[in-house]
Protein backbone atom coordinates (compact mmCIF):
# COMPACT_ATOMS: atom_id res chain seq x y z
CA UNK A 1 -27.58 -3.36 -22.24
CA UNK A 2 -30.54 -1.35 -20.64
CA UNK A 3 -30.87 -0.18 -16.92
CA UNK A 4 -32.96 -2.28 -16.12
CA UNK A 5 -31.14 -5.64 -17.31
CA UNK A 6 -28.13 -4.29 -15.37
CA UNK A 7 -29.99 -4.54 -12.53
CA UNK A 8 -31.50 -7.64 -13.32
CA UNK A 9 -28.49 -9.11 -13.78
CA UNK A 10 -26.64 -7.23 -10.49
CA UNK A 11 -29.39 -8.25 -8.42
CA UNK A 12 -29.55 -12.55 -9.63
CA UNK A 13 -25.94 -12.32 -8.98
CA UNK A 14 -26.28 -10.88 -5.62
CA UNK A 15 -29.26 -13.11 -4.50
CA UNK A 16 -26.95 -16.73 -6.40
CA UNK A 17 -24.15 -15.35 -3.93
CA UNK A 18 -26.78 -14.88 -0.61
CA UNK A 19 -27.74 -18.40 -1.19
CA UNK A 20 -24.46 -19.85 -2.22
CA UNK A 21 -23.64 -17.81 0.97
CA UNK A 22 -26.35 -19.55 3.65
CA UNK A 23 -25.50 -22.88 2.40
CA UNK A 24 -21.80 -22.25 3.28
CA UNK A 25 -22.83 -21.79 6.18
CA UNK A 26 -24.89 -23.99 7.27
CA UNK A 27 -23.87 -26.97 5.69
CA UNK A 28 -20.45 -26.27 6.22
CA UNK A 29 -18.71 -23.25 8.41
CA UNK A 30 -21.36 -24.38 11.73
CA UNK A 31 -21.17 -28.33 11.77
CA UNK A 32 -17.55 -27.78 11.31
CA UNK A 33 -17.29 -25.86 14.55
CA UNK A 34 -19.57 -28.67 16.12
CA UNK A 35 -16.52 -31.79 15.01
CA UNK A 36 -14.39 -29.79 16.58
CA UNK A 37 -14.63 -31.00 20.34
CA UNK A 38 -13.24 -28.06 22.41
CA UNK A 39 -15.39 -26.63 25.24
CA UNK A 40 -16.68 -24.14 23.66
CA UNK A 41 -17.77 -25.67 20.59
CA UNK A 42 -21.42 -25.28 21.19
CA UNK A 43 -21.45 -21.40 21.89
CA UNK A 44 -19.26 -20.73 19.08
CA UNK A 45 -21.08 -22.55 16.50
CA UNK A 46 -24.38 -20.45 17.88
CA UNK A 47 -21.88 -17.29 17.74
CA UNK A 48 -20.98 -18.32 13.99
CA UNK A 49 -24.08 -19.29 13.13
CA UNK A 50 -25.98 -16.04 14.50
CA UNK A 51 -23.52 -13.31 13.25
CA UNK A 52 -23.31 -15.33 9.53
CA UNK A 53 -27.46 -14.81 9.59
CA UNK A 54 -27.35 -11.62 10.33
CA UNK A 55 -24.05 -10.28 7.65
CA UNK A 56 -26.33 -12.00 5.22
CA UNK A 57 -29.79 -10.42 6.10
CA UNK A 58 -27.79 -7.12 6.15
CA UNK A 59 -26.55 -8.15 3.24
CA UNK A 60 -29.98 -9.03 1.31
CA UNK A 61 -31.17 -5.36 2.70
CA UNK A 62 -27.61 -3.26 0.71
CA UNK A 63 -28.95 -5.30 -2.38
CA UNK A 64 -32.50 -4.71 -2.27
CA UNK A 65 -31.53 -1.15 -1.36
CA UNK A 66 -29.26 -1.06 -4.24
CA UNK A 67 -31.91 -2.56 -6.68
CA UNK A 68 -34.51 0.21 -5.82
CA UNK A 69 -31.76 3.14 -5.90
CA UNK A 70 -30.88 1.67 -9.35
CA UNK A 71 -34.25 2.00 -10.55
CA UNK A 72 -35.13 4.88 -8.88
CA UNK A 73 -38.16 3.15 -7.00
CA UNK A 74 -38.49 5.93 -3.89
CA UNK A 75 -35.51 7.02 -0.54
CA UNK A 76 -37.67 4.56 1.90
CA UNK A 77 -35.95 1.42 1.13
CA UNK A 78 -32.44 2.95 1.42
CA UNK A 79 -33.22 4.32 4.85
CA UNK A 80 -33.41 8.31 4.19
CA UNK A 81 -36.23 9.75 5.91
CA UNK A 82 -39.74 11.56 4.62
C-alpha cells in the first residue's frame, strides 16, 4: 500500500473521529449536563462545550500537521519556523 493511501485512510479515520466527537459533544454531553438541575449547570455546560470545541480544533490541527508532514508538503503547518 502506498504512502498516499495510508495517509488518506488515516486522514479519513481522523476526520470521522472528529465528526463523531462533535456529534457526541453537541448531542449528548452538553444536553446531559443541562438536564442535571444544579446551580452551575449552565456554566458547566458552557465550559464543557467550549473545552470540547477547543479540543476538537486542536485534534484537527494535529491531524492536518501529521498528514502534511507524512506527505512532505511543508514544515510551516507543523509549527516550524522559516
